[in-house]
N, C-alpha and C. Protein backbone atom coordinates (compact mmCIF):
# COMPACT_ATOMS: atom_id res chain seq x y z
N UNK A 1 43.62 -26.37 -70.72
CA UNK A 1 43.03 -26.97 -69.24
C UNK A 1 44.35 -25.62 -68.06
N UNK A 2 45.04 -26.41 -68.82
CA UNK A 2 46.05 -24.78 -67.63
C UNK A 2 45.40 -23.99 -67.30
N UNK A 3 45.13 -23.13 -68.74
CA UNK A 3 44.68 -21.88 -68.50
C UNK A 3 43.25 -21.43 -66.91
N UNK A 4 42.65 -22.67 -67.31
CA UNK A 4 41.73 -22.22 -66.38
C UNK A 4 42.79 -22.94 -64.93
N UNK A 5 43.19 -23.87 -64.64
CA UNK A 5 43.31 -23.83 -63.35
C UNK A 5 43.75 -22.41 -62.74
N UNK A 6 45.07 -21.38 -63.68
CA UNK A 6 45.21 -20.42 -62.64
C UNK A 6 43.98 -19.19 -63.17
N UNK A 7 43.35 -19.03 -63.92
CA UNK A 7 41.96 -18.46 -63.33
C UNK A 7 41.33 -19.11 -62.41
N UNK A 8 41.07 -19.78 -61.84
CA UNK A 8 40.68 -20.60 -60.19
C UNK A 8 41.78 -20.15 -59.82
N UNK A 9 42.68 -20.58 -59.55
CA UNK A 9 43.76 -19.85 -58.84
C UNK A 9 44.07 -18.49 -58.57
N UNK A 10 43.91 -17.66 -59.21
CA UNK A 10 43.79 -15.96 -59.56
C UNK A 10 42.55 -15.61 -58.81
N UNK A 11 40.62 -16.16 -58.97
CA UNK A 11 39.42 -16.15 -58.60
C UNK A 11 40.14 -16.23 -56.76
N UNK A 12 40.60 -17.58 -56.43
CA UNK A 12 39.77 -17.93 -54.90
C UNK A 12 41.31 -16.45 -54.12
N UNK A 13 42.04 -16.30 -54.68
CA UNK A 13 43.22 -15.22 -53.82
C UNK A 13 42.57 -14.28 -54.37
N UNK A 14 41.97 -13.34 -54.86
CA UNK A 14 41.36 -11.98 -55.23
C UNK A 14 40.04 -12.68 -54.26
N UNK A 15 39.16 -13.78 -54.34
CA UNK A 15 38.25 -13.86 -53.00
C UNK A 15 38.80 -13.69 -51.70
N UNK A 16 39.84 -14.81 -51.14
CA UNK A 16 40.35 -14.63 -50.37
C UNK A 16 41.24 -13.04 -49.55
N UNK A 17 41.37 -12.63 -50.52
CA UNK A 17 42.02 -10.72 -50.28
C UNK A 17 40.69 -10.12 -49.55
N UNK A 18 39.79 -10.28 -50.86
CA UNK A 18 38.34 -9.64 -49.96
C UNK A 18 37.89 -9.97 -49.28
N UNK A 19 37.69 -11.21 -48.60
CA UNK A 19 37.37 -11.72 -47.31
C UNK A 19 37.85 -11.38 -46.23
N UNK A 20 39.64 -10.54 -46.51
CA UNK A 20 40.32 -10.54 -45.63
C UNK A 20 40.23 -9.48 -45.39
N UNK A 21 39.61 -8.25 -45.84
CA UNK A 21 40.11 -6.98 -46.20
C UNK A 21 38.75 -6.05 -45.30
N UNK A 22 37.71 -7.24 -45.85
CA UNK A 22 36.05 -6.97 -44.72
C UNK A 22 36.90 -7.64 -43.34
N UNK A 23 37.53 -8.78 -43.49
CA UNK A 23 37.41 -9.17 -41.93
C UNK A 23 38.17 -7.89 -41.16
N UNK A 24 39.34 -7.41 -41.70
CA UNK A 24 39.78 -6.48 -40.97
C UNK A 24 39.37 -4.96 -40.98
N UNK A 25 37.67 -4.94 -41.82
CA UNK A 25 37.41 -3.56 -41.13
C UNK A 25 36.13 -3.57 -40.43
N UNK A 26 35.62 -5.34 -40.30
CA UNK A 26 34.84 -5.53 -39.43
C UNK A 26 35.74 -5.23 -37.52
N UNK A 27 36.81 -6.31 -38.02
CA UNK A 27 37.34 -5.88 -36.76
C UNK A 27 37.92 -4.63 -36.14
N UNK A 28 38.07 -3.80 -36.59
CA UNK A 28 38.40 -2.52 -36.67
C UNK A 28 37.16 -1.63 -36.12
N UNK A 29 35.92 -2.29 -35.87
CA UNK A 29 34.40 -1.68 -35.32
C UNK A 29 33.81 -1.35 -36.10
N UNK A 30 33.91 -1.25 -37.91
CA UNK A 30 33.42 -0.41 -38.30
C UNK A 30 32.47 -1.30 -39.29
N UNK A 31 31.66 -0.92 -39.80
CA UNK A 31 31.18 -1.76 -41.14
C UNK A 31 31.35 -1.34 -42.12
N UNK A 32 30.87 -1.91 -43.50
CA UNK A 32 31.78 -2.21 -44.89
C UNK A 32 31.41 -0.60 -45.50
N UNK A 33 30.32 -0.38 -44.97
CA UNK A 33 29.56 0.61 -45.85
C UNK A 33 29.77 1.67 -45.05
N UNK A 34 30.09 2.39 -44.11
CA UNK A 34 30.50 3.44 -43.29
C UNK A 34 32.29 3.17 -43.80
N UNK A 35 32.66 1.69 -44.52
CA UNK A 35 34.53 2.32 -44.29
C UNK A 35 33.88 2.73 -46.01
N UNK A 36 33.10 2.55 -46.72
CA UNK A 36 33.29 2.68 -47.95
C UNK A 36 32.34 4.23 -47.97
N UNK A 37 31.56 4.77 -46.71
CA UNK A 37 31.53 6.58 -47.06
C UNK A 37 32.35 6.89 -47.05
N UNK A 38 34.04 6.90 -46.22
CA UNK A 38 34.36 7.12 -45.47
C UNK A 38 35.56 7.69 -47.04
N UNK A 39 35.85 6.34 -47.90
CA UNK A 39 36.80 6.57 -48.54
C UNK A 39 36.37 8.06 -49.88
N UNK A 40 35.02 7.70 -49.98
CA UNK A 40 34.03 8.95 -51.07
C UNK A 40 34.18 10.00 -50.18
N UNK A 41 33.83 9.90 -48.52
CA UNK A 41 34.26 11.27 -48.06
C UNK A 41 35.36 12.01 -48.31
N UNK A 42 36.73 11.22 -48.29
CA UNK A 42 37.48 11.73 -48.51
C UNK A 42 37.91 12.56 -50.04
N UNK A 43 37.55 11.63 -50.87
CA UNK A 43 37.79 12.33 -51.98
C UNK A 43 37.18 13.80 -52.51
N UNK A 44 35.81 13.49 -51.60
CA UNK A 44 35.32 15.05 -52.01
C UNK A 44 35.92 15.77 -50.28
N UNK A 45 36.34 15.67 -49.42
CA UNK A 45 37.50 16.28 -48.88
C UNK A 45 38.63 16.97 -49.80
N UNK A 46 39.24 16.45 -50.25
CA UNK A 46 40.35 17.30 -50.97
C UNK A 46 39.30 18.01 -52.04
N UNK A 47 38.75 17.58 -52.31
CA UNK A 47 37.76 18.66 -53.31
C UNK A 47 37.84 20.21 -52.77
N UNK A 48 37.16 20.47 -51.62
CA UNK A 48 36.25 21.33 -50.44
C UNK A 48 37.19 21.46 -50.67
N UNK A 49 38.45 21.07 -50.00
CA UNK A 49 39.92 21.46 -49.13
C UNK A 49 40.49 22.79 -50.30
N UNK A 50 40.30 22.27 -51.14
CA UNK A 50 41.16 22.90 -52.79
C UNK A 50 39.75 24.42 -52.86
N UNK A 51 38.71 23.82 -53.02
CA UNK A 51 37.69 25.14 -52.83
C UNK A 51 37.74 25.98 -51.42
N UNK A 52 37.91 25.62 -50.48
CA UNK A 52 37.67 26.38 -49.57
C UNK A 52 39.28 27.77 -49.35
N UNK A 53 40.31 27.20 -50.05
CA UNK A 53 41.17 27.68 -49.81
C UNK A 53 41.65 28.36 -51.16
N UNK A 54 41.07 28.32 -51.89
CA UNK A 54 40.78 29.13 -53.53
C UNK A 54 39.63 30.48 -53.40
N UNK A 55 38.47 30.17 -53.06
CA UNK A 55 37.27 31.04 -52.92
C UNK A 55 37.25 31.49 -51.15
N UNK A 56 37.46 32.82 -51.74
CA UNK A 56 36.57 33.31 -50.16
C UNK A 56 35.64 34.09 -49.58
N UNK A 57 35.01 34.55 -50.58
CA UNK A 57 33.53 35.04 -50.82
C UNK A 57 33.16 34.07 -51.42
N UNK A 58 31.76 33.26 -51.27
CA UNK A 58 31.16 32.37 -51.90
C UNK A 58 29.56 32.88 -52.06
N UNK A 59 28.18 32.80 -53.37
CA UNK A 59 27.71 33.17 -53.71
C UNK A 59 26.59 32.59 -52.48
N UNK A 60 25.31 32.85 -51.91
CA UNK A 60 24.73 31.95 -51.44
C UNK A 60 24.29 30.58 -51.56
N UNK A 61 24.37 30.51 -53.01
CA UNK A 61 24.17 29.24 -53.60
C UNK A 61 25.36 28.13 -53.44
N UNK A 62 26.53 28.59 -53.72
CA UNK A 62 27.83 27.75 -53.26
C UNK A 62 27.33 27.83 -51.99
N UNK A 63 27.41 28.68 -51.13
CA UNK A 63 27.52 28.22 -49.41
C UNK A 63 26.24 27.12 -49.47
N UNK A 64 25.85 27.09 -49.79
CA UNK A 64 24.11 26.02 -49.51
C UNK A 64 24.81 24.62 -49.82
N UNK A 65 25.51 24.96 -50.52
CA UNK A 65 26.58 23.32 -51.69
C UNK A 65 27.67 23.21 -50.87
N UNK A 66 28.58 24.17 -50.77
CA UNK A 66 29.27 23.26 -49.35
C UNK A 66 29.13 23.09 -48.49
N UNK A 67 28.00 23.87 -47.58
CA UNK A 67 27.57 23.45 -46.27
C UNK A 67 27.53 21.70 -46.64
N UNK A 68 26.33 21.32 -47.10
CA UNK A 68 25.88 20.19 -48.01
C UNK A 68 26.59 18.98 -47.86
N UNK A 69 27.53 19.35 -48.89
CA UNK A 69 28.96 18.96 -48.89
C UNK A 69 30.25 18.35 -47.41
N UNK A 70 29.32 19.05 -46.94
CA UNK A 70 30.61 19.06 -45.83
C UNK A 70 29.73 18.56 -44.58
N UNK A 71 28.88 18.64 -44.79
CA UNK A 71 27.59 18.18 -43.62
C UNK A 71 28.57 16.19 -43.74
N UNK A 72 27.49 15.98 -45.21
CA UNK A 72 28.15 14.36 -45.75
C UNK A 72 29.83 13.91 -45.14
N UNK A 73 30.76 15.02 -45.39
CA UNK A 73 32.27 14.59 -45.08
C UNK A 73 31.99 14.32 -43.07
N UNK A 74 31.30 14.95 -42.64
CA UNK A 74 31.57 15.61 -41.31
C UNK A 74 30.65 14.17 -40.43
N UNK A 75 29.81 13.36 -41.14
CA UNK A 75 28.91 12.80 -40.92
C UNK A 75 29.72 11.21 -40.88
N UNK A 76 30.25 11.01 -42.15
CA UNK A 76 31.25 10.14 -42.60
C UNK A 76 32.39 9.70 -41.75
N UNK A 77 32.92 10.94 -41.74
CA UNK A 77 34.39 10.92 -40.82
C UNK A 77 34.47 9.88 -39.23
N UNK A 78 32.86 11.20 -38.37
CA UNK A 78 32.34 10.10 -37.52
C UNK A 78 31.96 8.48 -37.13
N UNK A 79 31.95 8.34 -38.42
CA UNK A 79 32.01 7.07 -37.95
C UNK A 79 32.95 6.00 -38.25
N UNK A 80 34.32 6.52 -38.31
CA UNK A 80 35.95 5.99 -38.40
C UNK A 80 36.51 6.36 -37.40
N UNK A 81 37.76 5.50 -36.29
CA UNK A 81 38.13 6.31 -36.31
C UNK A 81 39.26 6.81 -36.49
N UNK A 82 39.41 8.29 -35.01
CA UNK A 82 40.52 9.18 -35.90
C UNK A 82 41.47 8.44 -36.34
N UNK A 83 41.99 7.42 -35.69
CA UNK A 83 43.44 7.05 -36.20
C UNK A 83 43.49 6.92 -38.07
N UNK A 84 42.59 6.33 -38.41
CA UNK A 84 42.22 6.15 -39.88
C UNK A 84 42.32 7.57 -40.90
N UNK A 85 41.81 8.58 -39.90
CA UNK A 85 41.56 9.80 -40.99
C UNK A 85 42.62 10.73 -40.29
N UNK A 86 43.93 10.89 -39.15
CA UNK A 86 44.59 11.20 -39.09
C UNK A 86 45.43 12.72 -39.49
N UNK A 87 45.88 11.86 -41.15
CA UNK A 87 46.66 12.44 -42.06
C UNK A 87 45.62 13.27 -42.95
N UNK A 88 44.75 13.16 -43.13
CA UNK A 88 43.50 14.14 -43.66
C UNK A 88 43.09 15.31 -42.30
N UNK A 89 44.17 15.14 -41.48
CA UNK A 89 43.30 16.63 -39.87
C UNK A 89 42.92 17.64 -40.43
N UNK A 90 44.72 17.78 -41.31
CA UNK A 90 44.14 19.40 -41.20
C UNK A 90 43.27 20.07 -42.30
N UNK A 91 43.47 19.05 -43.32
CA UNK A 91 42.22 19.13 -44.62
C UNK A 91 40.74 19.79 -43.62
N UNK A 92 41.23 18.42 -43.19
CA UNK A 92 39.26 18.30 -41.84
C UNK A 92 39.18 19.14 -41.54
N UNK A 93 40.13 20.57 -40.76
CA UNK A 93 40.20 20.98 -40.00
C UNK A 93 39.72 22.66 -40.78
N UNK A 94 39.98 22.43 -42.13
CA UNK A 94 40.68 23.44 -42.95
C UNK A 94 38.68 23.81 -43.25
N UNK A 95 38.08 22.60 -43.63
CA UNK A 95 36.88 22.51 -44.05
C UNK A 95 36.11 23.12 -43.31
N UNK A 96 36.13 22.44 -41.44
CA UNK A 96 35.25 23.29 -40.94
C UNK A 96 35.29 24.19 -40.77
N UNK A 97 37.07 25.05 -40.89
CA UNK A 97 36.50 26.33 -39.88
C UNK A 97 36.36 27.36 -41.37
N UNK A 98 36.06 26.73 -42.80
CA UNK A 98 35.46 27.82 -43.34
C UNK A 98 33.83 27.18 -43.56
N UNK A 99 33.77 25.71 -43.14
CA UNK A 99 31.99 25.97 -42.45
C UNK A 99 31.68 26.83 -41.59
N UNK A 100 32.30 26.31 -40.83
CA UNK A 100 31.75 28.02 -39.35
C UNK A 100 31.74 28.85 -39.67
N UNK A 101 32.52 29.58 -40.68
CA UNK A 101 32.63 30.94 -41.01
C UNK A 101 31.21 31.20 -42.30
N UNK A 102 31.16 30.13 -42.97
CA UNK A 102 29.95 30.20 -43.85
C UNK A 102 28.35 30.62 -42.32
N UNK A 103 28.69 29.63 -42.11
CA UNK A 103 27.44 29.54 -41.17
C UNK A 103 27.38 30.81 -39.99
N UNK A 104 28.43 31.22 -40.11
CA UNK A 104 28.31 32.91 -38.83
C UNK A 104 27.97 33.55 -39.87
N UNK A 105 28.25 33.39 -40.98
CA UNK A 105 27.23 34.93 -42.03
C UNK A 105 26.00 34.60 -42.73
N UNK A 106 25.57 33.28 -42.35
CA UNK A 106 24.58 32.77 -43.08
C UNK A 106 23.57 33.55 -41.67
N UNK A 107 24.12 32.84 -40.65
CA UNK A 107 23.14 34.09 -38.95
C UNK A 107 23.20 34.87 -38.74
N UNK A 108 24.52 35.86 -40.04
CA UNK A 108 24.68 37.20 -39.37
C UNK A 108 23.66 37.54 -40.06
N UNK A 109 23.07 37.36 -41.47
CA UNK A 109 22.34 37.94 -42.21
C UNK A 109 20.79 37.76 -42.52
N UNK A 110 20.60 36.58 -41.50
CA UNK A 110 19.53 36.36 -41.10
C UNK A 110 19.34 37.50 -40.00
């Protein structure tokens, strides 16, 4: 019986913390889905940042993939307040610079 009481208390605490997190996201003026997409985009930003540093010359197929993933990141970051991602600003700018370079190369080749 005590075991069930402990499980019930833990479940209640977890539920309370989840509701509290959702309320804080809403008070920040965001949707939960926007926040979740930001978290996923942040993971992708790290990968693209490492990719943009490591590779200078990309094949056309790699350029397209990089641009598509960067577009997803830019869209997700636009939906959240700037203060939330100011730690990632340098990575964001590096990926944006690489995105612009690829865009210019593709524009010049046409």
